[in-house]
Every structure is written in C-alpha cells, then in structure tokens.
Amino acid sequence: MLYPLKFHSIKKDKLWGTEFWTIASLGDDDSIVNNGYLEGNSLSDLLETYMDELVGENIYQMYGNYFPLLFKIIDTHDSLSVQVHPDDMAAAEWEQMGKTKMWYVSNAQENSSIVSGFNQDVDAHQVLQALEEDTIFDLLNECSVKRGDVIYLPAGRVHALSSNIQVVEVQENSDITYRLYDYNRVDKNGQLRDLHIEQALDVIDYTRTDDPLVTYEAQINNANVLVQDEHFCANVLCLDKTIERDYARLDSFVVYICLEGICEIASNEATEVLGEMGKVTLAKGDSVLIPASLNDIVLSANHSNVRLLEVYIV
C-alpha cells in the first residue's frame, strides 16, 4: 500500500539565488523518497511501478511515466532575469510540455517586487526596440508584493522576480525558459549569459496585464481557491484545528506544501494498514505527495497559524 510520500530536495545554486526542487522528475533531476518502506526510491521509479495508483487513472493515461508537475522553492539575492516560457503547442517542437506556473510569495522584504506582463498593449517591434535601448522596464508591469501574495503566470507572460524574495513555485514539468533581459550579468567564466530573444518574441503574449495578483479569500479551515486551469489547481488552506479532506472523486495525486506553522497529515487508509507510516509532519517549506489511491486525509494544525498550499489536477 502507498502512503504520504516525502522527498529529499534537490538544491540548485543560481547566479541570482537558490532553487530547491522539492518534488521533481525531470531528466537527471529525480526526487528521492526519504520516508517509509519506499525510502531511497526515485519519483520516476514509483511512477513506473505504481502508475495510476500514484497519479490517478486519467492523469496516467494522459502523461504515462512522465510526472506532470514540478514544485520549487525559489530564494533570490539578486533579480531573476526577465523571461518567458512557451505554451504546450510551442514547446512540442522540443518534445516537452509548456510552462504555465504560479508563485506564492512565502517571504518578501519591504522593497520586493515582481514583473508580470506589460503595462500596455505592445508588439514585437516595440519590445525589441526597448531591449536595444535598455528601456524594457518602461513597458513591463511591475508591482510590489508581500508575503501571501499569489501570481498566476500562464505560458507566454513575461515575468521576473526582484531580489530578497522567496516564492513557492508550482509549474508544468518543463525547463524551457527564454531570457529576454539579464541586466548584462556575466557567468562564472566572465561571459554574458545567453539570451533567447528570437524564441521569446515568438511566444510572448503582448496584451496588457491589468492586475498581476490573484485575489482570494483566506477563510479559516476551508480550501480557498487560488488557481484553476487545465494544468493544475491550487488552493490555500488556513487551519487552526483538525479537518478532513475527501478525495474520493478527484482521481489525482495531491501535493501539500507547508507555508506557515506545523501540520500533521495522515491518511486514514494508510494508517490502518501501515500504522505511523501513514502520517507525516510538515513544517514551513516541507512538501508531501499524497498518492491518488489515498482518499481520506486528516490535517491537524499543531500551530495556531497553519497555512498549506494544496495542488492537484482535474
């Protein structure tokens, strides 16, 4: 029987900061289980062995042995490049998925900001001219952010992060990024980092972005909807007691990421058979994958201000 699965994070040092891939199976980056009798197995091993038991019948039929999502924690000490990702159709020529994603701001200093799209309708010629004249930020929609803010970034939307900000990122399982602008930074060899202007101009959504922040309520002990699209659904759960979640009709794996506090997560089915192996405790920054075969989940707040990000596919 499967049970709630925790994984070792994969740390990636970047020019601008650090990424922790918390649940991933992309190329050589394959998360390793760190709890229970499956400890030491990779996520791809589990998918090949348990198939729809792990991810859900419809998801397995659609994606096979390719895990559809990638989860990260991003910590910046310098600004992220101005970049864009292709959609599924454009990415197909690379035999990959596109890259729609969302950010949950888990920590931010007072001067932190994000870029999401343009502050006016533009075209490729205007963007190219602004890049040549080093005035691209005159066209970009930049706004201040604070802890708890959520930014939805569909494929094709130009975006960036400032320094001194931490976000939880949920994305399609793809690593295609086209850099438009990188502040003339050089890599460890003293070379300017590659830009991908031609590819970026082909996939950009040039329409104005009026409000880059997701508006949501934070009702206590309820699932508050953040994002619902064809790639993933994300809710935030704000807890001060024990609640139950019934996923019998979902047909999907569920990933929880702890945003604040300490929370115990237990599968009723798994604890009946496996005892304590059916329970995990999450602190801030921890993630767990609930296999699709587990339906009855109990969430217990061990701290008065628990926040969880809940992600699945419908």
Protein backbone atom coordinates (compact mmCIF):
# COMPACT_ATOMS: atom_id res chain seq x y z
CA MET A 1 0.00 0.00 0.00
CA LEU A 2 1.13 3.54 -0.76
CA TYR A 3 1.32 6.25 1.90
CA PRO A 4 2.09 10.01 2.12
CA LEU A 5 5.50 10.45 0.48
CA LYS A 6 8.18 12.95 1.42
CA PHE A 7 11.26 13.58 -0.71
CA HIS A 8 14.77 14.96 -0.44
CA SER A 9 15.01 18.43 -2.02
CA ILE A 10 17.31 18.99 -4.98
CA LYS A 11 19.34 22.15 -4.43
CA LYS A 12 20.34 24.29 -7.43
CA ASP A 13 22.62 27.29 -6.97
CA LYS A 14 21.92 30.05 -9.47
CA LEU A 15 23.59 33.33 -10.35
CA TRP A 16 20.67 35.17 -8.77
CA GLY A 17 19.96 32.89 -5.79
CA THR A 18 18.94 29.33 -4.96
CA GLU A 19 16.24 26.93 -6.13
CA PHE A 20 15.11 23.92 -4.15
CA TRP A 21 13.26 21.42 -6.32
CA THR A 22 11.04 19.82 -3.67
CA ILE A 23 9.14 17.31 -5.83
CA ALA A 24 10.58 16.76 -9.30
CA SER A 25 11.15 14.19 -12.01
CA LEU A 26 12.77 15.89 -14.98
CA GLY A 27 15.77 14.38 -16.73
CA ASP A 28 18.54 13.67 -14.24
CA ASP A 29 16.70 15.58 -11.51
CA ASP A 30 14.63 12.89 -9.84
CA SER A 31 13.35 13.31 -6.28
CA ILE A 32 14.23 10.52 -3.83
CA VAL A 33 11.78 9.32 -1.16
CA ASN A 34 13.01 9.94 2.39
CA ASN A 35 10.30 8.25 4.49
CA GLY A 36 8.73 4.81 4.92
CA TYR A 37 9.49 1.50 3.24
CA LEU A 38 9.92 3.17 -0.16
CA GLU A 39 12.80 5.31 1.12
CA GLY A 40 15.57 5.52 -1.48
CA ASN A 41 13.27 5.07 -4.48
CA SER A 42 13.00 7.87 -7.04
CA LEU A 43 9.77 9.51 -8.13
CA SER A 44 10.22 8.03 -11.61
CA ASP A 45 10.67 4.56 -10.04
CA LEU A 46 7.40 4.99 -8.17
CA LEU A 47 5.57 6.14 -11.28
CA GLU A 48 6.77 3.16 -13.33
CA THR A 49 5.78 0.76 -10.56
CA TYR A 50 2.52 2.18 -9.23
CA MET A 51 1.29 4.07 -12.30
CA ASP A 52 -2.33 5.23 -11.81
CA GLU A 53 -2.23 4.32 -8.10
CA LEU A 54 0.27 7.13 -7.70
CA VAL A 55 -1.08 9.83 -10.02
CA GLY A 56 -4.65 8.84 -10.97
CA GLU A 57 -6.11 6.91 -13.88
CA ASN A 58 -6.84 9.81 -16.24
CA ILE A 59 -3.52 11.51 -15.50
CA TYR A 60 -1.60 8.30 -16.16
CA GLN A 61 -3.46 7.77 -19.44
CA MET A 62 -2.54 11.30 -20.50
CA TYR A 63 1.08 11.54 -19.31
CA GLY A 64 2.23 7.93 -18.86
CA ASN A 65 5.50 7.70 -16.93
CA TYR A 66 6.03 11.48 -17.08
CA PHE A 67 5.19 13.26 -13.84
CA PRO A 68 3.19 16.32 -14.96
CA LEU A 69 4.16 18.95 -12.36
CA LEU A 70 7.31 20.38 -10.78
CA PHE A 71 7.45 22.05 -7.36
CA LYS A 72 10.12 24.53 -6.26
CA ILE A 73 11.08 27.00 -3.57
CA ILE A 74 12.92 29.96 -5.07
CA ASP A 75 15.07 32.28 -2.94
CA THR A 76 16.58 35.34 -4.63
CA HIS A 77 19.50 37.52 -3.57
CA ASP A 78 19.54 39.22 -6.99
CA SER A 79 16.88 39.84 -9.62
CA LEU A 80 15.63 36.98 -11.74
CA SER A 81 16.07 37.59 -15.47
CA VAL A 82 13.14 38.96 -17.47
CA GLN A 83 11.90 35.79 -19.11
CA VAL A 84 9.04 33.92 -20.73
CA HIS A 85 8.01 30.30 -21.25
CA PRO A 86 6.29 28.71 -24.27
CA ASP A 87 2.87 27.07 -24.15
CA ASP A 88 2.30 23.37 -24.80
CA MET A 89 1.97 23.79 -28.55
CA ALA A 90 5.15 25.83 -28.93
CA ALA A 91 7.09 23.51 -26.62
CA ALA A 92 6.08 20.42 -28.58
CA GLU A 93 8.91 21.02 -31.07
CA TRP A 94 11.31 20.44 -28.15
CA GLU A 95 9.34 17.32 -27.16
CA GLN A 96 8.48 18.95 -23.86
CA MET A 97 5.49 20.44 -22.10
CA GLY A 98 4.92 24.16 -21.96
CA LYS A 99 5.37 26.04 -18.72
CA THR A 100 2.38 27.64 -17.06
CA LYS A 101 3.12 28.32 -13.40
CA MET A 102 2.17 30.22 -10.25
CA TRP A 103 4.09 31.87 -7.42
CA TYR A 104 3.06 32.04 -3.79
CA VAL A 105 5.13 34.68 -2.01
CA SER A 106 6.31 32.99 1.20
CA ASN A 107 8.66 35.77 2.28
CA ALA A 108 9.46 39.25 0.98
CA GLN A 109 11.30 42.33 2.14
CA GLU A 110 9.61 45.72 2.03
CA ASN A 111 11.03 46.65 -1.38
CA SER A 112 10.32 43.30 -3.08
CA SER A 113 8.54 43.28 -6.43
CA ILE A 114 7.55 41.09 -9.34
CA VAL A 115 7.06 41.64 -13.05
CA SER A 116 4.01 40.12 -14.71
CA GLY A 117 3.27 41.05 -18.31
CA PHE A 118 3.14 44.53 -19.83
CA ASN A 119 1.64 47.80 -18.60
CA GLN A 120 0.18 48.46 -22.07
CA ASP A 121 -0.60 46.57 -25.25
CA VAL A 122 2.65 46.21 -27.19
CA ASP A 123 4.01 44.37 -30.21
CA ALA A 124 7.23 42.53 -31.03
CA HIS A 125 8.80 45.61 -32.65
CA GLN A 126 8.26 47.75 -29.53
CA VAL A 127 9.71 45.07 -27.26
CA LEU A 128 12.75 44.58 -29.47
CA GLN A 129 13.36 48.33 -29.65
CA ALA A 130 13.07 48.64 -25.85
CA LEU A 131 15.58 45.83 -25.41
CA GLU A 132 18.03 47.53 -27.77
CA GLU A 133 17.60 50.86 -25.96
CA ASP A 134 17.72 49.27 -22.49
CA THR A 135 14.27 50.65 -21.65
CA ILE A 136 12.35 47.37 -21.38
CA PHE A 137 11.19 48.15 -17.83
CA ASP A 138 9.24 51.12 -19.21
CA LEU A 139 6.91 48.56 -20.82
CA LEU A 140 6.75 45.98 -18.05
CA ASN A 141 4.04 45.69 -15.42
CA GLU A 142 5.94 45.76 -12.12
CA CYS A 143 4.27 45.73 -8.71
CA SER A 144 5.24 45.42 -5.05
CA VAL A 145 4.47 42.16 -3.27
CA LYS A 146 4.23 40.92 0.30
CA ARG A 147 4.00 37.57 1.99
CA GLY A 148 0.83 35.73 1.00
CA ASP A 149 0.52 37.30 -2.46
CA VAL A 150 -0.14 34.94 -5.38
CA ILE A 151 0.87 35.48 -9.01
CA TYR A 152 -0.53 33.33 -11.83
CA LEU A 153 1.78 33.17 -14.85
CA PRO A 154 0.25 31.49 -17.88
CA ALA A 155 2.69 30.45 -20.60
CA GLY A 156 3.57 33.43 -22.78
CA ARG A 157 3.50 36.02 -19.99
CA VAL A 158 6.79 37.88 -19.49
CA HIS A 159 7.83 37.85 -15.82
CA ALA A 160 10.63 38.41 -13.31
CA LEU A 161 11.38 38.46 -9.58
CA SER A 162 13.27 41.12 -7.66
CA SER A 163 15.99 40.37 -5.12
CA ASN A 164 15.21 39.48 -1.49
CA ILE A 165 12.08 37.47 -2.16
CA GLN A 166 11.10 33.83 -1.62
CA VAL A 167 8.35 32.12 -3.58
CA VAL A 168 6.84 28.67 -3.78
CA GLU A 169 6.52 27.79 -7.46
CA VAL A 170 4.09 25.30 -8.96
CA GLN A 171 4.61 24.66 -12.67
CA GLU A 172 4.16 22.30 -15.54
CA ASN A 173 7.05 19.85 -15.66
CA SER A 174 9.24 21.68 -18.15
CA ASP A 175 12.54 23.50 -18.03
CA ILE A 176 12.20 25.68 -21.15
CA THR A 177 12.98 29.32 -20.33
CA TYR A 178 13.64 32.12 -22.83
CA ARG A 179 15.59 35.02 -21.34
CA LEU A 180 14.76 38.44 -22.74
CA TYR A 181 16.87 40.63 -20.47
CA ASP A 182 19.51 39.80 -17.86
CA TYR A 183 20.96 43.11 -16.60
CA ASN A 184 24.20 42.47 -18.58
CA ARG A 185 25.28 39.93 -15.97
CA VAL A 186 28.17 37.57 -16.57
CA ASP A 187 28.51 33.91 -15.57
CA LYS A 188 31.31 32.34 -13.50
CA ASN A 189 33.53 32.38 -16.61
CA GLY A 190 33.06 36.11 -17.16
CA GLN A 191 30.78 35.60 -20.17
CA LEU A 192 27.46 37.34 -20.73
CA ARG A 193 24.65 34.88 -20.16
CA ASP A 194 22.80 33.73 -23.26
CA LEU A 195 19.61 35.50 -24.25
CA HIS A 196 16.86 33.90 -26.34
CA ILE A 197 15.23 36.99 -27.84
CA GLU A 198 14.08 35.48 -31.14
CA GLN A 199 12.44 32.49 -29.43
CA ALA A 200 10.89 34.72 -26.77
CA LEU A 201 9.35 37.12 -29.29
CA ASP A 202 7.63 34.16 -30.95
CA VAL A 203 5.81 33.02 -27.78
CA ILE A 204 5.10 36.26 -25.87
CA ASP A 205 1.56 37.34 -25.05
CA TYR A 206 1.74 41.07 -25.92
CA THR A 207 -1.54 42.12 -24.32
CA ARG A 208 -1.64 44.32 -21.25
CA THR A 209 -1.81 42.70 -17.80
CA ASP A 210 -4.16 44.80 -15.68
CA ASP A 211 -3.84 43.08 -12.29
CA PRO A 212 -1.00 40.61 -11.82
CA LEU A 213 -2.04 39.49 -8.32
CA VAL A 214 -4.60 36.77 -7.68
CA THR A 215 -7.46 37.93 -5.46
CA TYR A 216 -8.52 35.33 -2.91
CA GLU A 217 -10.11 34.98 0.50
CA ALA A 218 -8.34 33.29 3.38
CA GLN A 219 -11.25 31.72 5.24
CA ILE A 220 -10.19 29.60 8.22
CA ASN A 221 -10.45 25.80 7.89
CA ASN A 222 -11.55 25.97 4.26
CA ALA A 223 -9.97 25.46 0.85
CA ASN A 224 -9.54 28.91 -0.67
CA VAL A 225 -9.17 28.76 -4.44
CA LEU A 226 -6.07 30.37 -5.98
CA VAL A 227 -5.73 28.86 -9.46
CA GLN A 228 -7.94 26.55 -11.50
CA ASP A 229 -6.81 25.72 -15.01
CA GLU A 230 -6.19 22.73 -17.26
CA HIS A 231 -2.63 22.28 -15.94
CA PHE A 232 -3.21 22.35 -12.18
CA CYS A 233 -5.50 23.57 -9.42
CA ALA A 234 -4.12 25.25 -6.30
CA ASN A 235 -5.84 26.14 -3.05
CA VAL A 236 -4.58 27.61 0.19
CA LEU A 237 -5.79 26.03 3.44
CA CYS A 238 -5.67 28.16 6.60
CA LEU A 239 -6.06 25.93 9.64
CA ASP A 240 -6.44 26.31 13.39
CA LYS A 241 -7.90 22.84 14.09
CA THR A 242 -8.19 19.34 12.61
CA ILE A 243 -10.09 18.99 9.34
CA GLU A 244 -10.67 16.14 6.88
CA ARG A 245 -10.29 16.18 3.10
CA ASP A 246 -12.11 13.60 0.96
CA TYR A 247 -10.51 13.00 -2.44
CA ALA A 248 -12.63 10.02 -3.50
CA ARG A 249 -13.90 11.82 -6.61
CA LEU A 250 -10.65 13.54 -7.52
CA ASP A 251 -8.64 10.89 -9.45
CA SER A 252 -5.39 12.80 -8.91
CA PHE A 253 -2.40 12.89 -6.64
CA VAL A 254 -2.35 15.81 -4.19
CA VAL A 255 0.71 17.78 -3.11
CA TYR A 256 0.76 19.77 0.11
CA ILE A 257 3.40 22.42 0.77
CA CYS A 258 3.57 23.94 4.23
CA LEU A 259 3.62 27.74 4.04
CA GLU A 260 3.34 28.54 7.75
CA GLY A 261 3.26 26.65 11.03
CA ILE A 262 3.46 22.90 11.69
CA CYS A 263 0.86 20.41 10.45
CA GLU A 264 0.37 16.66 10.78
CA ILE A 265 -1.04 14.98 7.68
CA ALA A 266 -2.46 11.46 7.99
CA SER A 267 -4.08 9.04 5.57
CA ASN A 268 -6.83 7.03 7.26
CA GLU A 269 -6.35 4.13 4.81
CA ALA A 270 -2.57 4.05 5.16
CA THR A 271 -2.53 4.30 8.97
CA GLU A 272 -4.95 1.36 9.27
CA VAL A 273 -2.50 -0.86 7.38
CA LEU A 274 0.92 0.73 7.97
CA GLY A 275 0.49 2.50 11.32
CA GLU A 276 2.72 5.54 11.84
CA MET A 277 4.00 5.29 8.26
CA GLY A 278 0.64 6.71 7.20
CA LYS A 279 1.40 10.02 8.93
CA VAL A 280 3.84 12.83 8.22
CA THR A 281 4.58 16.16 9.88
CA LEU A 282 5.24 19.24 7.77
CA ALA A 283 7.00 22.41 8.88
CA LYS A 284 7.39 25.55 6.79
CA GLY A 285 8.92 24.69 3.40
CA ASP A 286 8.18 20.95 3.61
CA SER A 287 6.23 19.10 0.91
CA VAL A 288 4.38 15.78 0.73
CA LEU A 289 2.81 13.87 -2.14
CA ILE A 290 -0.47 12.11 -1.39
CA PRO A 291 -0.92 9.23 -3.88
CA ALA A 292 -4.17 9.14 -5.83
CA SER A 293 -5.10 5.81 -4.22
CA LEU A 294 -5.49 7.55 -0.83
CA ASN A 295 -8.82 9.32 -0.36
CA ASP A 296 -9.37 10.20 3.31
CA ILE A 297 -6.80 12.69 4.58
CA VAL A 298 -6.76 14.29 8.04
CA LEU A 299 -4.97 17.61 8.50
CA SER A 300 -4.15 18.58 12.10
CA ALA A 301 -2.84 22.02 12.96
CA ASN A 302 -0.11 21.81 15.60
CA HIS A 303 0.23 25.59 15.48
CA SER A 304 -2.47 28.26 15.56
CA ASN A 305 -1.47 29.73 12.18
CA VAL A 306 -1.05 26.86 9.73
CA ARG A 307 -1.14 27.50 6.01
CA LEU A 308 -0.89 24.79 3.38
CA LEU A 309 -0.77 25.01 -0.38
CA GLU A 310 -2.88 22.19 -1.86
CA VAL A 311 -2.24 21.26 -5.51
CA TYR A 312 -3.83 18.66 -7.79
CA ILE A 313 -5.01 18.13 -11.37
CA VAL A 314 -8.62 17.82 -12.56
